[in-house]
């Protein structure tokens, strides 16, 4: 409409950008603090870096529905380095971590293909598949399903609560940035694994 008043993007987005920045800073500080407090070094240093990377992934995915390959690669390589320093058998430890990552990524990829064939649309993006590889590298076998479950339940809860607050019906075709939930869940799984179970 010709009479409509258009507002510049700067009048709308800065508050949202500041909110995302505040959430990111608080989340990273919390993740780093818990990592170095609850887990002994040098594992805690790797965990602190993981926390920062996963929060960054979550924030970016929430805003763009994309997970940068660079962040996935950085987290993957860092996870392999962390695996290598855990055991005197460095090569064996790194290969085992890589195998876990490959298996979980393959499982996510298979699930994505099944969903696409059944529903005729994408449900899991390649960024999520690559993030699954990151989860496999960082987490031992018992904690991989824990992280996935935390992410899935968090996503469902966030969606349900959001629709309830907005008084909107639930939709079967709704899309969610799964990395927003999966990335922090990977760090939570790492923290549980190293601080409380010491696998």
N, C-alpha and C. Protein backbone atom coordinates (compact mmCIF):
# COMPACT_ATOMS: atom_id res chain seq x y z
N UNK A 1 0.84 -1.20 0.00
CA UNK A 1 0.00 0.00 0.00
C UNK A 1 0.88 1.24 0.00
N UNK A 2 0.47 2.24 -0.79
CA UNK A 2 1.28 3.44 -0.92
C UNK A 2 1.28 4.26 0.35
N UNK A 3 0.20 4.15 1.16
CA UNK A 3 0.13 4.96 2.36
C UNK A 3 0.82 4.32 3.54
N UNK A 4 1.32 3.11 3.38
CA UNK A 4 1.96 2.42 4.50
C UNK A 4 3.29 3.08 4.82
N UNK A 5 3.60 3.12 6.09
CA UNK A 5 4.85 3.71 6.53
C UNK A 5 5.85 2.60 6.77
N UNK A 6 6.97 2.66 6.09
CA UNK A 6 8.00 1.64 6.27
C UNK A 6 9.00 2.12 7.30
N UNK A 7 9.30 1.25 8.23
CA UNK A 7 10.26 1.58 9.27
C UNK A 7 11.61 0.96 8.92
N UNK A 8 12.66 1.69 9.09
CA UNK A 8 13.98 1.12 8.79
C UNK A 8 14.28 -0.04 9.69
N UNK A 9 15.06 -0.98 9.17
CA UNK A 9 15.38 -2.19 9.94
C UNK A 9 16.08 -1.85 11.24
N UNK A 10 16.80 -0.74 11.26
CA UNK A 10 17.55 -0.40 12.46
C UNK A 10 16.64 -0.07 13.63
N UNK A 11 15.38 0.26 13.37
CA UNK A 11 14.46 0.60 14.45
C UNK A 11 13.88 -0.64 15.11
N UNK A 12 14.04 -1.79 14.45
CA UNK A 12 13.44 -3.01 14.97
C UNK A 12 14.50 -3.98 15.49
N UNK A 13 15.57 -4.16 14.75
CA UNK A 13 16.51 -5.23 15.03
C UNK A 13 17.52 -4.97 16.14
N UNK A 14 17.98 -3.72 16.37
CA UNK A 14 18.98 -3.56 17.43
C UNK A 14 18.57 -4.11 18.79
N UNK A 15 17.33 -3.89 19.28
CA UNK A 15 16.98 -4.48 20.57
C UNK A 15 17.07 -6.00 20.56
N UNK A 16 16.62 -6.61 19.46
CA UNK A 16 16.69 -8.07 19.36
C UNK A 16 18.15 -8.51 19.30
N UNK A 17 18.98 -7.78 18.56
CA UNK A 17 20.40 -8.11 18.47
C UNK A 17 21.06 -8.00 19.83
N UNK A 18 20.73 -6.95 20.57
CA UNK A 18 21.30 -6.79 21.91
C UNK A 18 20.85 -7.90 22.84
N UNK A 19 19.60 -8.34 22.68
CA UNK A 19 19.10 -9.44 23.50
C UNK A 19 19.86 -10.73 23.20
N UNK A 20 20.04 -11.03 21.92
CA UNK A 20 20.80 -12.22 21.53
C UNK A 20 22.23 -12.13 22.07
N UNK A 21 22.83 -10.94 21.98
CA UNK A 21 24.20 -10.77 22.45
C UNK A 21 24.28 -10.98 23.96
N UNK A 22 23.30 -10.46 24.69
CA UNK A 22 23.28 -10.62 26.14
C UNK A 22 23.12 -12.09 26.52
N UNK A 23 22.18 -12.77 25.86
CA UNK A 23 21.98 -14.19 26.12
C UNK A 23 23.24 -14.98 25.82
N UNK A 24 23.89 -14.64 24.71
CA UNK A 24 25.11 -15.35 24.32
C UNK A 24 26.21 -15.16 25.36
N UNK A 25 26.42 -13.94 25.79
CA UNK A 25 27.49 -13.65 26.76
C UNK A 25 27.23 -14.36 28.08
N UNK A 26 26.00 -14.26 28.57
CA UNK A 26 25.65 -14.91 29.84
C UNK A 26 25.79 -16.43 29.73
N UNK A 27 25.33 -16.98 28.61
CA UNK A 27 25.40 -18.43 28.41
C UNK A 27 26.84 -18.92 28.32
N UNK A 28 27.67 -18.20 27.56
CA UNK A 28 29.07 -18.60 27.43
C UNK A 28 29.77 -18.51 28.78
N UNK A 29 29.55 -17.43 29.50
CA UNK A 29 30.19 -17.27 30.81
C UNK A 29 29.76 -18.39 31.76
N UNK A 30 28.47 -18.73 31.73
CA UNK A 30 27.97 -19.81 32.59
C UNK A 30 28.59 -21.14 32.20
N UNK A 31 28.61 -21.43 30.90
CA UNK A 31 29.19 -22.69 30.43
C UNK A 31 30.67 -22.82 30.77
N UNK A 32 31.42 -21.75 30.56
CA UNK A 32 32.85 -21.76 30.86
C UNK A 32 33.07 -21.93 32.36
N UNK A 33 32.29 -21.20 33.17
CA UNK A 33 32.45 -21.27 34.62
C UNK A 33 32.15 -22.68 35.14
N UNK A 34 31.08 -23.29 34.67
CA UNK A 34 30.73 -24.63 35.11
C UNK A 34 31.77 -25.65 34.65
N UNK A 35 32.28 -25.46 33.45
CA UNK A 35 33.28 -26.39 32.92
C UNK A 35 34.54 -26.40 33.77
N UNK A 36 35.05 -25.22 34.07
CA UNK A 36 36.32 -25.14 34.80
C UNK A 36 36.13 -25.39 36.30
N UNK A 37 34.90 -25.25 36.79
CA UNK A 37 34.64 -25.48 38.21
C UNK A 37 34.41 -26.95 38.51
N UNK A 38 33.67 -27.63 37.64
CA UNK A 38 33.24 -29.00 37.94
C UNK A 38 34.14 -30.07 37.33
N UNK A 39 34.97 -29.70 36.36
CA UNK A 39 35.81 -30.69 35.68
C UNK A 39 37.28 -30.28 35.83
N UNK A 40 38.13 -31.24 36.20
CA UNK A 40 39.55 -30.89 36.37
C UNK A 40 40.23 -30.64 35.02
N UNK A 41 41.31 -29.86 35.03
CA UNK A 41 42.08 -29.65 33.80
C UNK A 41 42.86 -30.90 33.45
N UNK A 42 43.24 -31.06 32.19
CA UNK A 42 43.03 -30.12 31.08
C UNK A 42 41.68 -30.29 30.39
N UNK A 43 40.90 -31.33 30.81
CA UNK A 43 39.60 -31.57 30.17
C UNK A 43 38.69 -30.36 30.29
N UNK A 44 38.80 -29.65 31.42
CA UNK A 44 37.93 -28.49 31.64
C UNK A 44 38.15 -27.40 30.60
N UNK A 45 39.39 -27.25 30.14
CA UNK A 45 39.68 -26.22 29.15
C UNK A 45 39.03 -26.55 27.81
N UNK A 46 39.07 -27.82 27.46
CA UNK A 46 38.38 -28.25 26.24
C UNK A 46 36.87 -28.04 26.38
N UNK A 47 36.34 -28.37 27.56
CA UNK A 47 34.91 -28.20 27.80
C UNK A 47 34.48 -26.75 27.75
N UNK A 48 35.32 -25.86 28.26
CA UNK A 48 35.01 -24.43 28.21
C UNK A 48 34.94 -23.95 26.77
N UNK A 49 35.88 -24.43 25.94
CA UNK A 49 35.86 -24.06 24.52
C UNK A 49 34.63 -24.65 23.83
N UNK A 50 34.27 -25.89 24.20
CA UNK A 50 33.06 -26.50 23.65
C UNK A 50 31.83 -25.69 24.00
N UNK A 51 31.74 -25.24 25.25
CA UNK A 51 30.60 -24.44 25.68
C UNK A 51 30.45 -23.18 24.82
N UNK A 52 31.56 -22.49 24.61
CA UNK A 52 31.53 -21.26 23.81
C UNK A 52 31.10 -21.55 22.37
N UNK A 53 31.65 -22.61 21.79
CA UNK A 53 31.30 -22.95 20.41
C UNK A 53 29.84 -23.35 20.27
N UNK A 54 29.34 -24.15 21.20
CA UNK A 54 27.96 -24.63 21.11
C UNK A 54 26.95 -23.51 21.34
N UNK A 55 27.27 -22.58 22.21
CA UNK A 55 26.38 -21.43 22.39
C UNK A 55 26.36 -20.59 21.13
N UNK A 56 27.51 -20.41 20.52
CA UNK A 56 27.58 -19.65 19.27
C UNK A 56 26.76 -20.34 18.17
N UNK A 57 26.88 -21.66 18.07
CA UNK A 57 26.09 -22.42 17.11
C UNK A 57 24.60 -22.22 17.37
N UNK A 58 24.21 -22.31 18.63
CA UNK A 58 22.79 -22.18 19.00
C UNK A 58 22.25 -20.81 18.62
N UNK A 59 23.00 -19.77 18.92
CA UNK A 59 22.55 -18.41 18.62
C UNK A 59 22.41 -18.20 17.12
N UNK A 60 23.41 -18.65 16.36
CA UNK A 60 23.37 -18.47 14.90
C UNK A 60 22.21 -19.27 14.30
N UNK A 61 22.03 -20.51 14.76
CA UNK A 61 20.95 -21.33 14.22
C UNK A 61 19.59 -20.74 14.56
N UNK A 62 19.46 -20.17 15.75
CA UNK A 62 18.20 -19.55 16.14
C UNK A 62 17.86 -18.37 15.23
N UNK A 63 18.86 -17.66 14.78
CA UNK A 63 18.63 -16.46 13.97
C UNK A 63 18.53 -16.75 12.48
N UNK A 64 19.23 -17.79 12.01
CA UNK A 64 19.34 -18.00 10.56
C UNK A 64 18.88 -19.36 10.08
N UNK A 65 18.62 -20.30 11.02
CA UNK A 65 18.32 -21.69 10.64
C UNK A 65 19.48 -22.31 9.88
N UNK A 66 20.69 -21.85 10.15
CA UNK A 66 21.89 -22.40 9.53
C UNK A 66 22.96 -22.61 10.58
N UNK A 67 23.71 -23.70 10.43
CA UNK A 67 24.85 -23.97 11.31
C UNK A 67 26.11 -23.86 10.46
N UNK A 68 26.95 -22.87 10.71
CA UNK A 68 28.14 -22.69 9.86
C UNK A 68 29.05 -23.90 9.87
N UNK A 69 29.51 -24.29 8.70
CA UNK A 69 30.44 -25.41 8.59
C UNK A 69 31.72 -25.17 9.38
N UNK A 70 32.14 -23.91 9.43
CA UNK A 70 33.38 -23.58 10.13
C UNK A 70 33.27 -23.91 11.62
N UNK A 71 32.12 -23.63 12.21
CA UNK A 71 31.94 -23.92 13.64
C UNK A 71 31.86 -25.42 13.89
N UNK A 72 31.16 -26.13 13.01
CA UNK A 72 31.10 -27.59 13.15
C UNK A 72 32.50 -28.20 13.03
N UNK A 73 33.26 -27.73 12.06
CA UNK A 73 34.61 -28.25 11.85
C UNK A 73 35.51 -27.94 13.05
N UNK A 74 35.40 -26.73 13.56
CA UNK A 74 36.21 -26.33 14.71
C UNK A 74 35.88 -27.20 15.92
N UNK A 75 34.59 -27.41 16.17
CA UNK A 75 34.18 -28.24 17.30
C UNK A 75 34.61 -29.69 17.11
N UNK A 76 34.54 -30.16 15.87
CA UNK A 76 34.94 -31.53 15.56
C UNK A 76 36.44 -31.75 15.83
N UNK A 77 37.27 -30.84 15.32
CA UNK A 77 38.71 -30.96 15.51
C UNK A 77 39.09 -30.81 16.98
N UNK A 78 38.42 -29.90 17.67
CA UNK A 78 38.68 -29.72 19.10
C UNK A 78 38.30 -30.98 19.88
N UNK A 79 37.21 -31.61 19.48
CA UNK A 79 36.79 -32.84 20.13
C UNK A 79 37.79 -33.97 19.91
N UNK A 80 38.35 -34.05 18.72
CA UNK A 80 39.36 -35.07 18.45
C UNK A 80 40.62 -34.80 19.27
N UNK A 81 40.98 -33.52 19.41
CA UNK A 81 42.13 -33.17 20.25
C UNK A 81 41.87 -33.53 21.71
N UNK A 82 40.65 -33.27 22.17
CA UNK A 82 40.29 -33.61 23.55
C UNK A 82 40.35 -35.12 23.76
N UNK A 83 39.88 -35.87 22.78
CA UNK A 83 39.93 -37.33 22.87
C UNK A 83 41.37 -37.82 22.92
N UNK A 84 42.24 -37.21 22.16
CA UNK A 84 43.63 -37.63 22.11
C UNK A 84 44.37 -37.43 23.41
N UNK A 85 43.98 -36.40 24.19
CA UNK A 85 44.71 -36.14 25.42
C UNK A 85 44.17 -36.94 26.61
N UNK A 86 43.06 -37.68 26.39
CA UNK A 86 42.48 -38.43 27.50
C UNK A 86 43.21 -39.73 27.79
N UNK A 87 43.91 -40.25 26.80
CA UNK A 87 44.48 -41.59 26.94
C UNK A 87 45.90 -41.61 26.39
N UNK A 88 46.77 -42.44 26.99
CA UNK A 88 48.12 -42.58 26.42
C UNK A 88 48.09 -43.21 25.03
N UNK A 89 47.01 -43.93 24.73
CA UNK A 89 46.84 -44.52 23.40
C UNK A 89 46.14 -43.48 22.51
N UNK A 90 46.90 -42.48 22.09
CA UNK A 90 46.32 -41.32 21.42
C UNK A 90 45.59 -41.71 20.14
N UNK A 91 46.25 -42.47 19.28
CA UNK A 91 45.65 -42.81 17.99
C UNK A 91 44.37 -43.62 18.17
N UNK A 92 44.40 -44.56 19.09
CA UNK A 92 43.21 -45.38 19.34
C UNK A 92 42.05 -44.54 19.87
N UNK A 93 42.36 -43.63 20.78
CA UNK A 93 41.32 -42.77 21.35
C UNK A 93 40.71 -41.85 20.30
N UNK A 94 41.56 -41.29 19.44
CA UNK A 94 41.07 -40.39 18.38
C UNK A 94 40.24 -41.17 17.38
N UNK A 95 40.68 -42.35 17.00
CA UNK A 95 39.93 -43.16 16.03
C UNK A 95 38.58 -43.58 16.60
N UNK A 96 38.53 -43.91 17.88
CA UNK A 96 37.27 -44.28 18.50
C UNK A 96 36.29 -43.10 18.51
N UNK A 97 36.82 -41.91 18.83
CA UNK A 97 35.97 -40.72 18.81
C UNK A 97 35.46 -40.44 17.41
N UNK A 98 36.33 -40.58 16.42
CA UNK A 98 35.92 -40.35 15.03
C UNK A 98 34.87 -41.37 14.60
N UNK A 99 35.02 -42.62 15.05
CA UNK A 99 34.05 -43.65 14.71
C UNK A 99 32.68 -43.33 15.32
N UNK A 100 32.66 -42.89 16.57
CA UNK A 100 31.40 -42.50 17.21
C UNK A 100 30.74 -41.36 16.43
N UNK A 101 31.55 -40.37 16.05
CA UNK A 101 31.01 -39.25 15.29
C UNK A 101 30.43 -39.69 13.96
N UNK A 102 31.13 -40.57 13.27
CA UNK A 102 30.66 -41.05 11.96
C UNK A 102 29.36 -41.84 12.11
N UNK A 103 29.28 -42.67 13.14
CA UNK A 103 28.08 -43.49 13.34
C UNK A 103 26.87 -42.63 13.68
N UNK A 104 27.04 -41.66 14.57
CA UNK A 104 25.90 -40.81 14.93
C UNK A 104 25.49 -39.93 13.76
N UNK A 105 26.46 -39.42 13.00
CA UNK A 105 26.14 -38.62 11.82
C UNK A 105 25.39 -39.46 10.79
N UNK A 106 25.81 -40.71 10.61
CA UNK A 106 25.13 -41.60 9.67
C UNK A 106 23.71 -41.88 10.12
N UNK A 107 23.51 -42.03 11.43
CA UNK A 107 22.16 -42.26 11.95
C UNK A 107 21.26 -41.05 11.69
N UNK A 108 21.79 -39.86 11.90
CA UNK A 108 21.02 -38.64 11.64
C UNK A 108 20.71 -38.51 10.15
N UNK A 109 21.70 -38.82 9.31
CA UNK A 109 21.50 -38.72 7.87
C UNK A 109 20.42 -39.70 7.41
N UNK A 110 20.45 -40.92 7.95
CA UNK A 110 19.43 -41.91 7.60
C UNK A 110 18.05 -41.44 8.05
N UNK A 111 17.99 -40.87 9.24
CA UNK A 111 16.72 -40.36 9.74
C UNK A 111 16.20 -39.22 8.87
N UNK A 112 17.11 -38.37 8.42
CA UNK A 112 16.72 -37.26 7.54
C UNK A 112 16.16 -37.78 6.22
N UNK A 113 16.79 -38.82 5.66
CA UNK A 113 16.33 -39.40 4.41
C UNK A 113 14.96 -40.06 4.57
N UNK A 114 14.79 -40.77 5.67
CA UNK A 114 13.50 -41.44 5.93
C UNK A 114 12.39 -40.39 6.06
N UNK A 115 12.68 -39.32 6.80
CA UNK A 115 11.69 -38.26 6.98
C UNK A 115 11.34 -37.62 5.65
N UNK A 116 12.36 -37.37 4.82
CA UNK A 116 12.12 -36.73 3.53
C UNK A 116 11.24 -37.60 2.63
N UNK A 117 11.49 -38.90 2.66
CA UNK A 117 10.72 -39.80 1.82
C UNK A 117 9.27 -39.95 2.32
N UNK A 118 9.11 -39.93 3.64
CA UNK A 118 7.77 -40.10 4.20
C UNK A 118 6.94 -38.82 4.13
N UNK A 119 7.58 -37.68 4.37
CA UNK A 119 6.84 -36.42 4.46
C UNK A 119 6.98 -35.54 3.23
N UNK A 120 7.93 -35.85 2.37
CA UNK A 120 8.11 -35.06 1.16
C UNK A 120 8.76 -33.71 1.38
N UNK A 121 9.41 -33.52 2.51
CA UNK A 121 10.11 -32.27 2.81
C UNK A 121 11.22 -32.57 3.80
N UNK A 122 12.15 -31.62 3.91
CA UNK A 122 13.27 -31.80 4.82
C UNK A 122 12.82 -31.62 6.27
N UNK A 123 13.35 -32.47 7.13
CA UNK A 123 13.07 -32.33 8.56
C UNK A 123 14.34 -32.12 9.36
N UNK A 124 15.42 -32.69 8.88
CA UNK A 124 16.72 -32.55 9.52
C UNK A 124 17.70 -32.05 8.48
N UNK A 125 18.34 -30.93 8.76
CA UNK A 125 19.26 -30.36 7.80
C UNK A 125 20.65 -30.98 7.88
N UNK A 126 21.46 -30.74 6.86
CA UNK A 126 22.82 -31.27 6.86
C UNK A 126 23.66 -30.67 7.98
N UNK A 127 23.32 -29.44 8.38
CA UNK A 127 24.03 -28.84 9.51
C UNK A 127 23.81 -29.65 10.78
N UNK A 128 22.59 -30.15 10.96
CA UNK A 128 22.29 -30.99 12.13
C UNK A 128 23.02 -32.32 12.04
N UNK A 129 23.15 -32.86 10.83
CA UNK A 129 23.89 -34.11 10.64
C UNK A 129 25.36 -33.91 11.03
N UNK A 130 25.93 -32.81 10.59
CA UNK A 130 27.33 -32.52 10.93
C UNK A 130 27.47 -32.26 12.43
N UNK A 131 26.47 -31.63 13.03
CA UNK A 131 26.50 -31.40 14.48
C UNK A 131 26.41 -32.72 15.23
N UNK A 132 25.72 -33.69 14.65
CA UNK A 132 25.67 -35.02 15.26
C UNK A 132 27.05 -35.65 15.28
N UNK A 133 27.84 -35.41 14.24
CA UNK A 133 29.22 -35.90 14.23
C UNK A 133 30.02 -35.28 15.37
N UNK A 134 29.77 -34.01 15.62
CA UNK A 134 30.43 -33.33 16.74
C UNK A 134 30.03 -33.99 18.06
N UNK A 135 28.75 -34.27 18.21
CA UNK A 135 28.27 -34.92 19.43
C UNK A 135 28.95 -36.27 19.64
N UNK A 136 29.07 -37.04 18.57
CA UNK A 136 29.69 -38.36 18.68
C UNK A 136 31.15 -38.28 19.06
N UNK A 137 31.84 -37.27 18.57
CA UNK A 137 33.26 -37.11 18.89
C UNK A 137 33.46 -36.75 20.36
N UNK A 138 32.58 -35.91 20.89
CA UNK A 138 32.73 -35.43 22.26
C UNK A 138 32.16 -36.37 23.31
N UNK A 139 31.14 -37.14 22.95
CA UNK A 139 30.41 -37.92 23.94
C UNK A 139 30.66 -39.41 23.78
N UNK A 140 30.76 -40.09 24.90
CA UNK A 140 30.85 -41.54 24.88
C UNK A 140 29.48 -42.13 24.57
N UNK A 141 29.47 -43.42 24.24
CA UNK A 141 28.24 -44.08 23.79
C UNK A 141 27.03 -43.84 24.69
N UNK A 142 27.14 -43.95 26.02
CA UNK A 142 25.93 -43.77 26.85
C UNK A 142 25.36 -42.36 26.81
N UNK A 143 26.20 -41.38 26.49
CA UNK A 143 25.75 -39.99 26.58
C UNK A 143 25.29 -39.41 25.25
N UNK A 144 25.54 -40.09 24.16
CA UNK A 144 25.03 -39.62 22.87
C UNK A 144 23.50 -39.59 22.86
N UNK A 145 22.82 -40.69 23.24
CA UNK A 145 21.36 -40.62 23.28
C UNK A 145 20.83 -39.65 24.33
N UNK A 146 21.60 -39.44 25.39
CA UNK A 146 21.18 -38.48 26.42
C UNK A 146 21.11 -37.08 25.82
N UNK A 147 22.15 -36.70 25.07
CA UNK A 147 22.17 -35.37 24.45
C UNK A 147 21.04 -35.21 23.44
N UNK A 148 20.82 -36.24 22.63
CA UNK A 148 19.74 -36.18 21.63
C UNK A 148 18.39 -36.05 22.32
N UNK A 149 18.21 -36.80 23.40
CA UNK A 149 16.93 -36.75 24.13
C UNK A 149 16.71 -35.38 24.78
N UNK A 150 17.75 -34.85 25.37
CA UNK A 150 17.65 -33.51 25.97
C UNK A 150 17.26 -32.49 24.91
N UNK A 151 17.90 -32.57 23.74
CA UNK A 151 17.62 -31.63 22.66
C UNK A 151 16.19 -31.77 22.16
N UNK A 152 15.75 -33.01 21.94
CA UNK A 152 14.40 -33.24 21.41
C UNK A 152 13.33 -32.77 22.39
N UNK A 153 13.49 -33.13 23.66
CA UNK A 153 12.50 -32.73 24.66
C UNK A 153 12.49 -31.22 24.86
N UNK A 154 13.67 -30.60 24.83
CA UNK A 154 13.75 -29.14 24.97
C UNK A 154 13.07 -28.45 23.80
N UNK A 155 13.29 -28.97 22.59
CA UNK A 155 12.67 -28.37 21.40
C UNK A 155 11.15 -28.50 21.46
N UNK A 156 10.66 -29.67 21.83
CA UNK A 156 9.21 -29.87 21.92
C UNK A 156 8.60 -28.98 23.00
N UNK A 157 9.29 -28.89 24.14
CA UNK A 157 8.77 -28.05 25.23
C UNK A 157 8.75 -26.58 24.82
N UNK A 158 9.84 -26.12 24.19
CA UNK A 158 9.90 -24.72 23.77
C UNK A 158 8.81 -24.41 22.75
N UNK A 159 8.60 -25.33 21.81
CA UNK A 159 7.55 -25.11 20.80
C UNK A 159 6.17 -25.09 21.44
N UNK A 160 5.91 -26.06 22.30
CA UNK A 160 4.60 -26.13 22.95
C UNK A 160 4.32 -24.92 23.81
N UNK A 161 5.29 -24.50 24.60
CA UNK A 161 5.11 -23.34 25.47
C UNK A 161 4.93 -22.08 24.64
N UNK A 162 5.73 -21.96 23.58
CA UNK A 162 5.60 -20.79 22.71
C UNK A 162 4.23 -20.68 22.07
N UNK A 163 3.72 -21.79 21.57
CA UNK A 163 2.40 -21.77 20.94
C UNK A 163 1.31 -21.49 21.98
N UNK A 164 1.51 -22.00 23.20
CA UNK A 164 0.53 -21.76 24.26
C UNK A 164 0.49 -20.28 24.64
N UNK A 165 1.67 -19.68 24.78
CA UNK A 165 1.74 -18.27 25.16
C UNK A 165 1.10 -17.40 24.08
N UNK A 166 1.36 -17.75 22.82
CA UNK A 166 0.81 -16.97 21.71
C UNK A 166 -0.63 -17.36 21.38
N UNK A 167 -1.14 -18.38 22.09
CA UNK A 167 -2.51 -18.87 21.87
C UNK A 167 -2.72 -19.31 20.42
N UNK A 168 -1.74 -20.07 19.95
CA UNK A 168 -1.81 -20.58 18.58
C UNK A 168 -1.88 -22.11 18.62
N UNK A 169 -2.55 -22.70 17.65
CA UNK A 169 -2.63 -24.18 17.62
C UNK A 169 -1.29 -24.81 17.24
N UNK A 170 -1.10 -26.03 17.67
CA UNK A 170 0.08 -26.78 17.29
C UNK A 170 -0.01 -27.17 15.82
N UNK A 171 1.13 -27.15 15.13
CA UNK A 171 1.16 -27.49 13.72
C UNK A 171 2.15 -28.61 13.48
N UNK A 172 1.72 -29.60 12.71
CA UNK A 172 2.58 -30.74 12.42
C UNK A 172 3.71 -30.37 11.47
N UNK A 173 3.53 -29.29 10.69
CA UNK A 173 4.55 -28.91 9.72
C UNK A 173 5.42 -27.75 10.21
N UNK A 174 5.39 -27.49 11.51
CA UNK A 174 6.20 -26.40 12.06
C UNK A 174 7.69 -26.72 11.94
N UNK A 175 8.50 -25.70 11.75
CA UNK A 175 9.94 -25.88 11.66
C UNK A 175 10.62 -25.24 12.87
N UNK A 176 11.62 -25.91 13.38
CA UNK A 176 12.39 -25.42 14.52
C UNK A 176 13.87 -25.50 14.19
N UNK A 177 14.65 -24.55 14.68
CA UNK A 177 16.11 -24.65 14.52
C UNK A 177 16.67 -25.65 15.53
N UNK A 178 16.81 -26.90 15.11
CA UNK A 178 17.17 -27.96 16.06
C UNK A 178 18.54 -27.72 16.69
N UNK A 179 19.43 -27.07 15.94
CA UNK A 179 20.75 -26.77 16.49
C UNK A 179 20.68 -25.88 17.72
N UNK A 180 19.65 -25.06 17.82
CA UNK A 180 19.45 -24.22 18.99
C UNK A 180 19.38 -25.06 20.25
N UNK A 181 18.83 -26.25 20.14
CA UNK A 181 18.67 -27.14 21.29
C UNK A 181 19.74 -28.22 21.35
N UNK A 182 20.16 -28.70 20.19
CA UNK A 182 21.10 -29.80 20.13
C UNK A 182 22.51 -29.35 20.56
N UNK A 183 22.94 -28.18 20.11
CA UNK A 183 24.29 -27.72 20.43
C UNK A 183 24.51 -27.59 21.95
N UNK A 184 23.64 -26.88 22.68
CA UNK A 184 23.83 -26.83 24.14
C UNK A 184 23.70 -28.20 24.79
N UNK A 185 22.85 -29.06 24.23
CA UNK A 185 22.68 -30.40 24.80
C UNK A 185 23.98 -31.21 24.70
N UNK A 186 24.76 -30.97 23.66
CA UNK A 186 26.05 -31.66 23.53
C UNK A 186 26.96 -31.27 24.69
N UNK A 187 27.00 -29.98 24.99
CA UNK A 187 27.83 -29.54 26.12
C UNK A 187 27.29 -30.07 27.44
N UNK A 188 25.96 -30.07 27.61
CA UNK A 188 25.37 -30.62 28.83
C UNK A 188 25.75 -32.09 28.98
N UNK A 189 25.67 -32.84 27.88
CA UNK A 189 26.08 -34.24 27.91
C UNK A 189 27.54 -34.39 28.29
N UNK A 190 28.40 -33.53 27.74
CA UNK A 190 29.82 -33.55 28.09
C UNK A 190 30.01 -33.28 29.57
N UNK A 191 29.27 -32.31 30.12
CA UNK A 191 29.41 -31.96 31.53
C UNK A 191 28.96 -33.11 32.42
N UNK A 192 27.83 -33.72 32.10
CA UNK A 192 27.36 -34.87 32.87
C UNK A 192 28.38 -36.00 32.82
N UNK A 193 28.91 -36.23 31.65
CA UNK A 193 29.85 -37.32 31.43
C UNK A 193 31.13 -37.14 32.25
N UNK A 194 31.64 -35.92 32.28
CA UNK A 194 32.94 -35.67 32.89
C UNK A 194 32.89 -35.20 34.34
N UNK A 195 31.79 -34.55 34.73
CA UNK A 195 31.72 -34.02 36.08
C UNK A 195 31.06 -34.99 37.07
N UNK A 196 30.14 -35.81 36.58
CA UNK A 196 29.35 -36.63 37.48
C UNK A 196 29.51 -38.13 37.29
N UNK A 197 29.92 -38.54 36.10
CA UNK A 197 30.03 -39.98 35.84
C UNK A 197 31.45 -40.40 35.54
N UNK A 198 32.29 -39.46 35.06
CA UNK A 198 33.71 -39.70 34.85
C UNK A 198 33.97 -40.94 34.02
N UNK A 199 33.30 -41.03 32.86
CA UNK A 199 33.52 -42.15 31.97
C UNK A 199 34.86 -41.99 31.28
